[in-house]
Amino acid sequence: MPTGTSVQERDDVRLKEPKHYHVVMHNDDFTTMEFVVEILMSIFQKDAAAAQELMLQVHRKGRAVVGTYPFDIACTKVQLATTRARAAKFPFRMTVEEA
């Protein structure tokens, strides 16, 4: 037996873009330039010229933003790069900063 009640639905759903975070690569005196370029190409999908330019920016300025991603993706890329660096015995360091 119907009770006469109705359900009203909300149509004004508002979606927000996720916050983005910079992945920052830091310079050190031990990690090779070749290793840095390889990381930039394989994990951050940079072409050879862009990877070379970013590597030089890290070398000259001490750090560079190498990509901007949602938080989970940024952290995953940093973890992949750090794992490879540790396997190769490099003290390579990257951080995630709010964009």
PDB file of N, CA and C in Angstrom:
ATOM      1  N   MET A   1       0.825  -1.175   0.000  1.00  0.00           N
ATOM      2  CA  MET A   1       0.000   0.000   0.000  1.00  0.00           C
ATOM      3  C   MET A   1       0.878   1.249   0.000  1.00  0.00           C
ATOM      4  N   PRO A   2       0.788   2.095  -1.023  1.00  0.00           N
ATOM      5  CA  PRO A   2       1.618   3.297  -1.119  1.00  0.00           C
ATOM      6  C   PRO A   2       1.312   4.265   0.017  1.00  0.00           C
ATOM      7  N   THR A   3       2.380   4.923   0.509  1.00  0.00           N
ATOM      8  CA  THR A   3       2.213   5.852   1.625  1.00  0.00           C
ATOM      9  C   THR A   3       2.124   7.298   1.156  1.00  0.00           C
ATOM     10  N   GLY A   4       2.394   7.560  -0.078  1.00  0.00           N
ATOM     11  CA  GLY A   4       2.303   8.916  -0.600  1.00  0.00           C
ATOM     12  C   GLY A   4       3.574   9.729  -0.394  1.00  0.00           C
ATOM     13  N   THR A   5       4.644   9.116   0.075  1.00  0.00           N
ATOM     14  CA  THR A   5       5.897   9.852   0.230  1.00  0.00           C
ATOM     15  C   THR A   5       6.689   9.764  -1.056  1.00  0.00           C
ATOM     16  N   SER A   6       7.497  10.771  -1.296  1.00  0.00           N
ATOM     17  CA  SER A   6       8.327  10.785  -2.500  1.00  0.00           C
ATOM     18  C   SER A   6       9.763  11.106  -2.110  1.00  0.00           C
ATOM     19  N   VAL A   7      10.653  10.725  -2.979  1.00  0.00           N
ATOM     20  CA  VAL A   7      12.069  10.996  -2.760  1.00  0.00           C
ATOM     21  C   VAL A   7      12.504  12.017  -3.785  1.00  0.00           C
ATOM     22  N   GLN A   8      13.135  13.055  -3.307  1.00  0.00           N
ATOM     23  CA  GLN A   8      13.619  14.091  -4.210  1.00  0.00           C
ATOM     24  C   GLN A   8      15.130  13.910  -4.374  1.00  0.00           C
ATOM     25  N   GLU A   9      15.581  13.903  -5.621  1.00  0.00           N
ATOM     26  CA  GLU A   9      17.001  13.711  -5.898  1.00  0.00           C
ATOM     27  C   GLU A   9      17.665  15.044  -6.143  1.00  0.00           C
ATOM     28  N   ARG A  10      18.950  15.137  -5.728  1.00  0.00           N
ATOM     29  CA  ARG A  10      19.732  16.343  -5.987  1.00  0.00           C
ATOM     30  C   ARG A  10      20.393  16.215  -7.347  1.00  0.00           C
ATOM     31  N   ASP A  11      20.286  17.263  -8.141  1.00  0.00           N
ATOM     32  CA  ASP A  11      20.900  17.262  -9.463  1.00  0.00           C
ATOM     33  C   ASP A  11      22.160  18.120  -9.529  1.00  0.00           C
ATOM     34  N   ASP A  12      22.477  18.825  -8.465  1.00  0.00           N
ATOM     35  CA  ASP A  12      23.588  19.770  -8.508  1.00  0.00           C
ATOM     36  C   ASP A  12      24.881  19.184  -7.927  1.00  0.00           C
ATOM     37  N   VAL A  13      25.313  18.083  -8.478  1.00  0.00           N
ATOM     38  CA  VAL A  13      26.553  17.448  -8.047  1.00  0.00           C
ATOM     39  C   VAL A  13      27.719  18.261  -8.587  1.00  0.00           C
ATOM     40  N   ARG A  14      28.637  18.626  -7.702  1.00  0.00           N
ATOM     41  CA  ARG A  14      29.795  19.423  -8.106  1.00  0.00           C
ATOM     42  C   ARG A  14      31.056  18.598  -7.910  1.00  0.00           C
ATOM     43  N   LEU A  15      31.763  18.420  -8.982  1.00  0.00           N
ATOM     44  CA  LEU A  15      33.015  17.666  -8.928  1.00  0.00           C
ATOM     45  C   LEU A  15      34.173  18.640  -8.891  1.00  0.00           C
ATOM     46  N   LYS A  16      35.174  18.341  -8.070  1.00  0.00           N
ATOM     47  CA  LYS A  16      36.372  19.168  -8.004  1.00  0.00           C
ATOM     48  C   LYS A  16      37.534  18.395  -8.615  1.00  0.00           C
ATOM     49  N   GLU A  17      38.349  19.110  -9.333  1.00  0.00           N
ATOM     50  CA  GLU A  17      39.568  18.516  -9.863  1.00  0.00           C
ATOM     51  C   GLU A  17      40.463  18.144  -8.681  1.00  0.00           C
ATOM     52  N   PRO A  18      41.173  17.026  -8.762  1.00  0.00           N
ATOM     53  CA  PRO A  18      42.081  16.674  -7.662  1.00  0.00           C
ATOM     54  C   PRO A  18      43.246  17.662  -7.613  1.00  0.00           C
ATOM     55  N   LYS A  19      43.770  17.886  -6.412  1.00  0.00           N
ATOM     56  CA  LYS A  19      44.949  18.733  -6.271  1.00  0.00           C
ATOM     57  C   LYS A  19      46.110  18.065  -7.010  1.00  0.00           C
ATOM     58  N   HIS A  20      47.000  18.891  -7.497  1.00  0.00           N
ATOM     59  CA  HIS A  20      48.171  18.368  -8.178  1.00  0.00           C
ATOM     60  C   HIS A  20      49.425  18.675  -7.364  1.00  0.00           C
ATOM     61  N   TYR A  21      50.421  17.835  -7.566  1.00  0.00           N
ATOM     62  CA  TYR A  21      51.664  17.924  -6.811  1.00  0.00           C
ATOM     63  C   TYR A  21      52.847  17.855  -7.766  1.00  0.00           C
ATOM     64  N   HIS A  22      53.869  18.647  -7.450  1.00  0.00           N
ATOM     65  CA  HIS A  22      55.106  18.632  -8.237  1.00  0.00           C
ATOM     66  C   HIS A  22      56.001  17.512  -7.733  1.00  0.00           C
ATOM     67  N   VAL A  23      56.615  16.812  -8.655  1.00  0.00           N
ATOM     68  CA  VAL A  23      57.687  15.883  -8.320  1.00  0.00           C
ATOM     69  C   VAL A  23      58.986  16.652  -8.552  1.00  0.00           C
ATOM     70  N   VAL A  24      59.767  16.783  -7.489  1.00  0.00           N
ATOM     71  CA  VAL A  24      61.008  17.565  -7.541  1.00  0.00           C
ATOM     72  C   VAL A  24      62.193  16.616  -7.424  1.00  0.00           C
ATOM     73  N   MET A  25      63.122  16.752  -8.362  1.00  0.00           N
ATOM     74  CA  MET A  25      64.352  15.963  -8.357  1.00  0.00           C
ATOM     75  C   MET A  25      65.458  16.837  -7.772  1.00  0.00           C
ATOM     76  N   HIS A  26      66.256  16.259  -6.858  1.00  0.00           N
ATOM     77  CA  HIS A  26      67.320  16.999  -6.190  1.00  0.00           C
ATOM     78  C   HIS A  26      68.686  16.507  -6.654  1.00  0.00           C
ATOM     79  N   ASN A  27      69.628  17.421  -6.707  1.00  0.00           N
ATOM     80  CA  ASN A  27      70.984  17.103  -7.139  1.00  0.00           C
ATOM     81  C   ASN A  27      71.771  16.437  -6.008  1.00  0.00           C
ATOM     82  N   ASP A  28      72.680  15.571  -6.381  1.00  0.00           N
ATOM     83  CA  ASP A  28      73.669  15.036  -5.452  1.00  0.00           C
ATOM     84  C   ASP A  28      74.958  14.837  -6.241  1.00  0.00           C
ATOM     85  N   ASP A  29      76.037  14.562  -5.548  1.00  0.00           N
ATOM     86  CA  ASP A  29      77.340  14.448  -6.201  1.00  0.00           C
ATOM     87  C   ASP A  29      77.701  13.039  -6.646  1.00  0.00           C
ATOM     88  N   PHE A  30      76.767  12.081  -6.500  1.00  0.00           N
ATOM     89  CA  PHE A  30      77.113  10.693  -6.773  1.00  0.00           C
ATOM     90  C   PHE A  30      76.282  10.043  -7.875  1.00  0.00           C
ATOM     91  N   THR A  31      75.025  10.408  -7.986  1.00  0.00           N
ATOM     92  CA  THR A  31      74.159   9.810  -9.009  1.00  0.00           C
ATOM     93  C   THR A  31      74.615  10.288 -10.375  1.00  0.00           C
ATOM     94  N   THR A  32      74.790   9.362 -11.304  1.00  0.00           N
ATOM     95  CA  THR A  32      75.303   9.738 -12.624  1.00  0.00           C
ATOM     96  C   THR A  32      74.235  10.456 -13.455  1.00  0.00           C
ATOM     97  N   MET A  33      74.715  11.282 -14.340  1.00  0.00           N
ATOM     98  CA  MET A  33      73.814  12.008 -15.244  1.00  0.00           C
ATOM     99  C   MET A  33      73.063  11.036 -16.139  1.00  0.00           C
ATOM    100  N   GLU A  34      73.721   9.979 -16.552  1.00  0.00           N
ATOM    101  CA  GLU A  34      73.092   8.978 -17.409  1.00  0.00           C
ATOM    102  C   GLU A  34      71.922   8.296 -16.694  1.00  0.00           C
ATOM    103  N   PHE A  35      72.117   8.003 -15.416  1.00  0.00           N
ATOM    104  CA  PHE A  35      71.051   7.378 -14.635  1.00  0.00           C
ATOM    105  C   PHE A  35      69.850   8.317 -14.521  1.00  0.00           C
ATOM    106  N   VAL A  36      70.105   9.587 -14.260  1.00  0.00           N
ATOM    107  CA  VAL A  36      69.030  10.575 -14.141  1.00  0.00           C
ATOM    108  C   VAL A  36      68.258  10.674 -15.453  1.00  0.00           C
ATOM    109  N   VAL A  37      68.953  10.739 -16.558  1.00  0.00           N
ATOM    110  CA  VAL A  37      68.285  10.813 -17.871  1.00  0.00           C
ATOM    111  C   VAL A  37      67.443   9.569 -18.108  1.00  0.00           C
ATOM    112  N   GLU A  38      67.972   8.414 -17.756  1.00  0.00           N
ATOM    113  CA  GLU A  38      67.220   7.161 -17.942  1.00  0.00           C
ATOM    114  C   GLU A  38      65.938   7.160 -17.105  1.00  0.00           C
ATOM    115  N   ILE A  39      66.015   7.638 -15.866  1.00  0.00           N
ATOM    116  CA  ILE A  39      64.832   7.732 -14.996  1.00  0.00           C
ATOM    117  C   ILE A  39      63.805   8.690 -15.607  1.00  0.00           C
ATOM    118  N   LEU A  40      64.266   9.821 -16.087  1.00  0.00           N
ATOM    119  CA  LEU A  40      63.352  10.805 -16.682  1.00  0.00           C
ATOM    120  C   LEU A  40      62.657  10.255 -17.918  1.00  0.00           C
ATOM    121  N   MET A  41      63.359   9.459 -18.694  1.00  0.00           N
ATOM    122  CA  MET A  41      62.765   8.898 -19.906  1.00  0.00           C
ATOM    123  C   MET A  41      61.842   7.721 -19.590  1.00  0.00           C
ATOM    124  N   SER A  42      62.263   6.832 -18.697  1.00  0.00           N
ATOM    125  CA  SER A  42      61.487   5.612 -18.473  1.00  0.00           C
ATOM    126  C   SER A  42      60.317   5.796 -17.509  1.00  0.00           C
ATOM    127  N   ILE A  43      60.480   6.593 -16.476  1.00  0.00           N
ATOM    128  CA  ILE A  43      59.413   6.750 -15.486  1.00  0.00           C
ATOM    129  C   ILE A  43      58.565   7.985 -15.759  1.00  0.00           C
ATOM    130  N   PHE A  44      59.194   9.057 -16.226  1.00  0.00           N
ATOM    131  CA  PHE A  44      58.470  10.316 -16.429  1.00  0.00           C
ATOM    132  C   PHE A  44      58.136  10.581 -17.895  1.00  0.00           C
ATOM    133  N   GLN A  45      58.426   9.623 -18.771  1.00  0.00           N
ATOM    134  CA  GLN A  45      58.095   9.671 -20.195  1.00  0.00           C
ATOM    135  C   GLN A  45      58.565  10.946 -20.895  1.00  0.00           C
ATOM    136  N   LYS A  46      59.765  11.391 -20.555  1.00  0.00           N
ATOM    137  CA  LYS A  46      60.360  12.541 -21.241  1.00  0.00           C
ATOM    138  C   LYS A  46      61.126  12.026 -22.451  1.00  0.00           C
ATOM    139  N   ASP A  47      61.140  12.830 -23.519  1.00  0.00           N
ATOM    140  CA  ASP A  47      61.978  12.439 -24.655  1.00  0.00           C
ATOM    141  C   ASP A  47      63.431  12.748 -24.303  1.00  0.00           C
ATOM    142  N   ALA A  48      64.355  12.296 -25.131  1.00  0.00           N
ATOM    143  CA  ALA A  48      65.783  12.419 -24.816  1.00  0.00           C
ATOM    144  C   ALA A  48      66.205  13.874 -24.603  1.00  0.00           C
ATOM    145  N   ALA A  49      65.730  14.783 -25.432  1.00  0.00           N
ATOM    146  CA  ALA A  49      66.111  16.195 -25.313  1.00  0.00           C
ATOM    147  C   ALA A  49      65.570  16.806 -24.027  1.00  0.00           C
ATOM    148  N   ALA A  50      64.304  16.537 -23.708  1.00  0.00           N
ATOM    149  CA  ALA A  50      63.701  17.082 -22.484  1.00  0.00           C
ATOM    150  C   ALA A  50      64.378  16.488 -21.249  1.00  0.00           C
ATOM    151  N   ALA A  51      64.687  15.204 -21.285  1.00  0.00           N
ATOM    152  CA  ALA A  51      65.358  14.555 -20.162  1.00  0.00           C
ATOM    153  C   ALA A  51      66.740  15.157 -19.938  1.00  0.00           C
ATOM    154  N   GLN A  52      67.466  15.385 -21.019  1.00  0.00           N
ATOM    155  CA  GLN A  52      68.798  15.988 -20.929  1.00  0.00           C
ATOM    156  C   GLN A  52      68.712  17.394 -20.341  1.00  0.00           C
ATOM    157  N   GLU A  53      67.744  18.183 -20.788  1.00  0.00           N
ATOM    158  CA  GLU A  53      67.573  19.555 -20.294  1.00  0.00           C
ATOM    159  C   GLU A  53      67.216  19.567 -18.803  1.00  0.00           C
ATOM    160  N   LEU A  54      66.297  18.690 -18.401  1.00  0.00           N
ATOM    161  CA  LEU A  54      65.931  18.619 -16.982  1.00  0.00           C
ATOM    162  C   LEU A  54      67.111  18.160 -16.121  1.00  0.00           C
ATOM    163  N   MET A  55      67.865  17.201 -16.602  1.00  0.00           N
ATOM    164  CA  MET A  55      69.037  16.720 -15.868  1.00  0.00           C
ATOM    165  C   MET A  55      70.031  17.867 -15.660  1.00  0.00           C
ATOM    166  N   LEU A  56      70.244  18.659 -16.698  1.00  0.00           N
ATOM    167  CA  LEU A  56      71.161  19.799 -16.575  1.00  0.00           C
ATOM    168  C   LEU A  56      70.622  20.858 -15.621  1.00  0.00           C
ATOM    169  N   GLN A  57      69.321  21.062 -15.628  1.00  0.00           N
ATOM    170  CA  GLN A  57      68.709  22.018 -14.700  1.00  0.00           C
ATOM    171  C   GLN A  57      68.916  21.548 -13.253  1.00  0.00           C
ATOM    172  N   VAL A  58      68.728  20.265 -13.004  1.00  0.00           N
ATOM    173  CA  VAL A  58      68.974  19.718 -11.662  1.00  0.00           C
ATOM    174  C   VAL A  58      70.437  19.915 -11.291  1.00  0.00           C
ATOM    175  N   HIS A  59      71.329  19.627 -12.219  1.00  0.00           N
ATOM    176  CA  HIS A  59      72.764  19.729 -11.973  1.00  0.00           C
ATOM    177  C   HIS A  59      73.177  21.172 -11.670  1.00  0.00           C
ATOM    178  N   ARG A  60      72.658  22.125 -12.421  1.00  0.00           N
ATOM    179  CA  ARG A  60      73.052  23.534 -12.282  1.00  0.00           C
ATOM    180  C   ARG A  60      72.355  24.246 -11.129  1.00  0.00           C
ATOM    181  N   LYS A  61      71.071  23.986 -10.949  1.00  0.00           N
ATOM    182  CA  LYS A  61      70.291  24.724  -9.950  1.00  0.00           C
ATOM    183  C   LYS A  61      70.068  23.957  -8.641  1.00  0.00           C
ATOM    184  N   GLY A  62      70.418  22.674  -8.637  1.00  0.00           N
ATOM    185  CA  GLY A  62      70.265  21.882  -7.423  1.00  0.00           C
ATOM    186  C   GLY A  62      68.941  21.147  -7.316  1.00  0.00           C
ATOM    187  N   ARG A  63      67.975  21.514  -8.156  1.00  0.00           N
ATOM    188  CA  ARG A  63      66.665  20.855  -8.145  1.00  0.00           C
ATOM    189  C   ARG A  63      65.875  21.288  -9.361  1.00  0.00           C
ATOM    190  N   ALA A  64      64.862  20.491  -9.707  1.00  0.00           N
ATOM    191  CA  ALA A  64      63.975  20.832 -10.817  1.00  0.00           C
ATOM    192  C   ALA A  64      62.666  20.075 -10.659  1.00  0.00           C
ATOM    193  N   VAL A  65      61.581  20.715 -11.069  1.00  0.00           N
ATOM    194  CA  VAL A  65      60.282  20.044 -11.123  1.00  0.00           C
ATOM    195  C   VAL A  65      60.290  19.207 -12.400  1.00  0.00           C
ATOM    196  N   VAL A  66      60.106  17.907 -12.253  1.00  0.00           N
ATOM    197  CA  VAL A  66      60.165  17.013 -13.410  1.00  0.00           C
ATOM    198  C   VAL A  66      58.791  16.518 -13.854  1.00  0.00           C
ATOM    199  N   GLY A  67      57.746  16.882 -13.101  1.00  0.00           N
ATOM    200  CA  GLY A  67      56.392  16.510 -13.480  1.00  0.00           C
ATOM    201  C   GLY A  67      55.396  16.976 -12.439  1.00  0.00           C
ATOM    202  N   THR A  68      54.133  17.088 -12.850  1.00  0.00           N
ATOM    203  CA  THR A  68      53.050  17.486 -11.959  1.00  0.00           C
ATOM    204  C   THR A  68      51.906  16.502 -12.143  1.00  0.00           C
ATOM    205  N   TYR A  69      51.477  15.896 -11.027  1.00  0.00           N
ATOM    206  CA  TYR A  69      50.515  14.799 -11.076  1.00  0.00           C
ATOM    207  C   TYR A  69      49.592  14.846  -9.861  1.00  0.00           C
ATOM    208  N   PRO A  70      48.490  14.095  -9.899  1.00  0.00           N
ATOM    209  CA  PRO A  70      47.717  13.878  -8.665  1.00  0.00           C
ATOM    210  C   PRO A  70      48.631  13.177  -7.648  1.00  0.00           C
ATOM    211  N   PHE A  71      48.317  13.321  -6.377  1.00  0.00           N
ATOM    212  CA  PHE A  71      49.183  12.866  -5.293  1.00  0.00           C
ATOM    213  C   PHE A  71      49.612  11.404  -5.424  1.00  0.00           C
ATOM    214  N   ASP A  72      48.687  10.503  -5.647  1.00  0.00           N
ATOM    215  CA  ASP A  72      49.018   9.074  -5.704  1.00  0.00           C
ATOM    216  C   ASP A  72      49.985   8.754  -6.841  1.00  0.00           C
ATOM    217  N   ILE A  73      49.772   9.372  -7.979  1.00  0.00           N
ATOM    218  CA  ILE A  73      50.657   9.136  -9.128  1.00  0.00           C
ATOM    219  C   ILE A  73      52.038   9.708  -8.847  1.00  0.00           C
ATOM    220  N   ALA A  74      52.096  10.915  -8.275  1.00  0.00           N
ATOM    221  CA  ALA A  74      53.384  11.529  -7.943  1.00  0.00           C
ATOM    222  C   ALA A  74      54.170  10.630  -6.980  1.00  0.00           C
ATOM    223  N   CYS A  75      53.516  10.140  -5.952  1.00  0.00           N
ATOM    224  CA  CYS A  75      54.187   9.274  -4.970  1.00  0.00           C
ATOM    225  C   CYS A  75      54.652   7.964  -5.584  1.00  0.00           C
ATOM    226  N   THR A  76      53.859   7.405  -6.474  1.00  0.00           N
ATOM    227  CA  THR A  76      54.235   6.158  -7.136  1.00  0.00           C
ATOM    228  C   THR A  76      55.476   6.361  -7.998  1.00  0.00           C
ATOM    229  N   LYS A  77      55.526   7.454  -8.748  1.00  0.00           N
ATOM    230  CA  LYS A  77      56.691   7.720  -9.593  1.00  0.00           C
ATOM    231  C   LYS A  77      57.947   7.927  -8.750  1.00  0.00           C
ATOM    232  N   VAL A  78      57.827   8.639  -7.640  1.00  0.00           N
ATOM    233  CA  VAL A  78      58.969   8.847  -6.749  1.00  0.00           C
ATOM    234  C   VAL A  78      59.435   7.500  -6.179  1.00  0.00           C
ATOM    235  N   GLN A  79      58.500   6.670  -5.782  1.00  0.00           N
ATOM    236  CA  GLN A  79      58.855   5.358  -5.227  1.00  0.00           C
ATOM    237  C   GLN A  79      59.564   4.491  -6.265  1.00  0.00           C
ATOM    238  N   LEU A  80      59.062   4.482  -7.500  1.00  0.00           N
ATOM    239  CA  LEU A  80      59.713   3.698  -8.562  1.00  0.00           C
ATOM    240  C   LEU A  80      61.138   4.186  -8.804  1.00  0.00           C
ATOM    241  N   ALA A  81      61.316   5.497  -8.900  1.00  0.00           N
ATOM    242  CA  ALA A  81      62.639   6.064  -9.159  1.00  0.00           C
ATOM    243  C   ALA A  81      63.588   5.783  -7.992  1.00  0.00           C
ATOM    244  N   THR A  82      63.106   5.926  -6.776  1.00  0.00           N
ATOM    245  CA  THR A  82      63.939   5.695  -5.596  1.00  0.00           C
ATOM    246  C   THR A  82      64.342   4.224  -5.493  1.00  0.00           C
ATOM    247  N   THR A  83      63.436   3.339  -5.796  1.00  0.00           N
ATOM    248  CA  THR A  83      63.744   1.905  -5.762  1.00  0.00           C
ATOM    249  C   THR A  83      64.846   1.570  -6.760  1.00  0.00           C
ATOM    250  N   ARG A  84      64.746   2.106  -7.966  1.00  0.00           N
ATOM    251  CA  ARG A  84      65.794   1.866  -8.975  1.00  0.00           C
ATOM    252  C   ARG A  84      67.127   2.443  -8.534  1.00  0.00           C
ATOM    253  N   ALA A  85      67.080   3.637  -7.931  1.00  0.00           N
ATOM    254  CA  ALA A  85      68.315   4.283  -7.484  1.00  0.00           C
ATOM    255  C   ALA A  85      68.993   3.467  -6.388  1.00  0.00           C
ATOM    256  N   ARG A  86      68.225   2.978  -5.445  1.00  0.00           N
ATOM    257  CA  ARG A  86      68.801   2.187  -4.352  1.00  0.00           C
ATOM    258  C   ARG A  86      69.393   0.880  -4.890  1.00  0.00           C
ATOM    259  N   ALA A  87      68.727   0.290  -5.862  1.00  0.00           N
ATOM    260  CA  ALA A  87      69.247  -0.938  -6.469  1.00  0.00           C
ATOM    261  C   ALA A  87      70.578  -0.680  -7.167  1.00  0.00           C
ATOM    262  N   ALA A  88      70.735   0.528  -7.701  1.00  0.00           N
ATOM    263  CA  ALA A  88      71.980   0.904  -8.368  1.00  0.00           C
ATOM    264  C   ALA A  88      72.981   1.555  -7.407  1.00  0.00           C
ATOM    265  N   LYS A  89      72.637   1.610  -6.110  1.00  0.00           N
ATOM    266  CA  LYS A  89      73.511   2.162  -5.054  1.00  0.00           C
ATOM    267  C   LYS A  89      73.721   3.670  -5.189  1.00  0.00           C
ATOM    268  N   PHE A  90      72.694   4.399  -5.682  1.00  0.00           N
ATOM    269  CA  PHE A  90      72.763   5.854  -5.772  1.00  0.00           C
ATOM    270  C   PHE A  90      71.949   6.487  -4.646  1.00  0.00           C
ATOM    271  N   PRO A  91      72.408   7.641  -4.113  1.00  0.00           N
ATOM    272  CA  PRO A  91      71.669   8.337  -3.064  1.00  0.00           C
ATOM    273  C   PRO A  91      70.601   9.287  -3.634  1.00  0.00           C
ATOM    274  N   PHE A  92      70.239   9.083  -4.844  1.00  0.00           N
ATOM    275  CA  PHE A  92      69.245   9.862  -5.596  1.00  0.00           C
ATOM    276  C   PHE A  92      68.045  10.213  -4.713  1.00  0.00           C
ATOM    277  N   ARG A  93      67.567  11.478  -4.799  1.00  0.00           N
ATOM    278  CA  ARG A  93      66.456  11.911  -3.951  1.00  0.00           C
ATOM    279  C   ARG A  93      65.441  12.717  -4.755  1.00  0.00           C
ATOM    280  N   MET A  94      64.175  12.414  -4.512  1.00  0.00           N
ATOM    281  CA  MET A  94      63.063  13.152  -5.097  1.00  0.00           C
ATOM    282  C   MET A  94      62.059  13.432  -3.985  1.00  0.00           C
ATOM    283  N   THR A  95      61.323  14.534  -4.139  1.00  0.00           N
ATOM    284  CA  THR A  95      60.283  14.867  -3.174  1.00  0.00           C
ATOM    285  C   THR A  95      59.001  15.229  -3.927  1.00  0.00           C
ATOM    286  N   VAL A  96      57.899  15.246  -3.174  1.00  0.00           N
ATOM    287  CA  VAL A  96      56.593  15.631  -3.708  1.00  0.00           C
ATOM    288  C   VAL A  96      56.162  16.897  -2.967  1.00  0.00           C
ATOM    289  N   GLU A  97      55.812  17.937  -3.728  1.00  0.00           N
ATOM    290  CA  GLU A  97      55.388  19.214  -3.145  1.00  0.00           C
ATOM    291  C   GLU A  97      54.066  19.634  -3.752  1.00  0.00           C
ATOM    292  N   GLU A  98      53.229  20.272  -2.955  1.00  0.00           N
ATOM    293  CA  GLU A  98      51.952  20.743  -3.484  1.00  0.00           C
ATOM    294  C   GLU A  98      52.189  21.787  -4.573  1.00  0.00           C
ATOM    295  N   ALA A  99      51.476  21.654  -5.672  1.00  0.00           N
ATOM    296  CA  ALA A  99      51.658  22.566  -6.810  1.00  0.00           C
ATOM    297  C   ALA A  99      50.982  23.907  -6.553  1.00  0.00           C
TER     298      ALA A  99
END
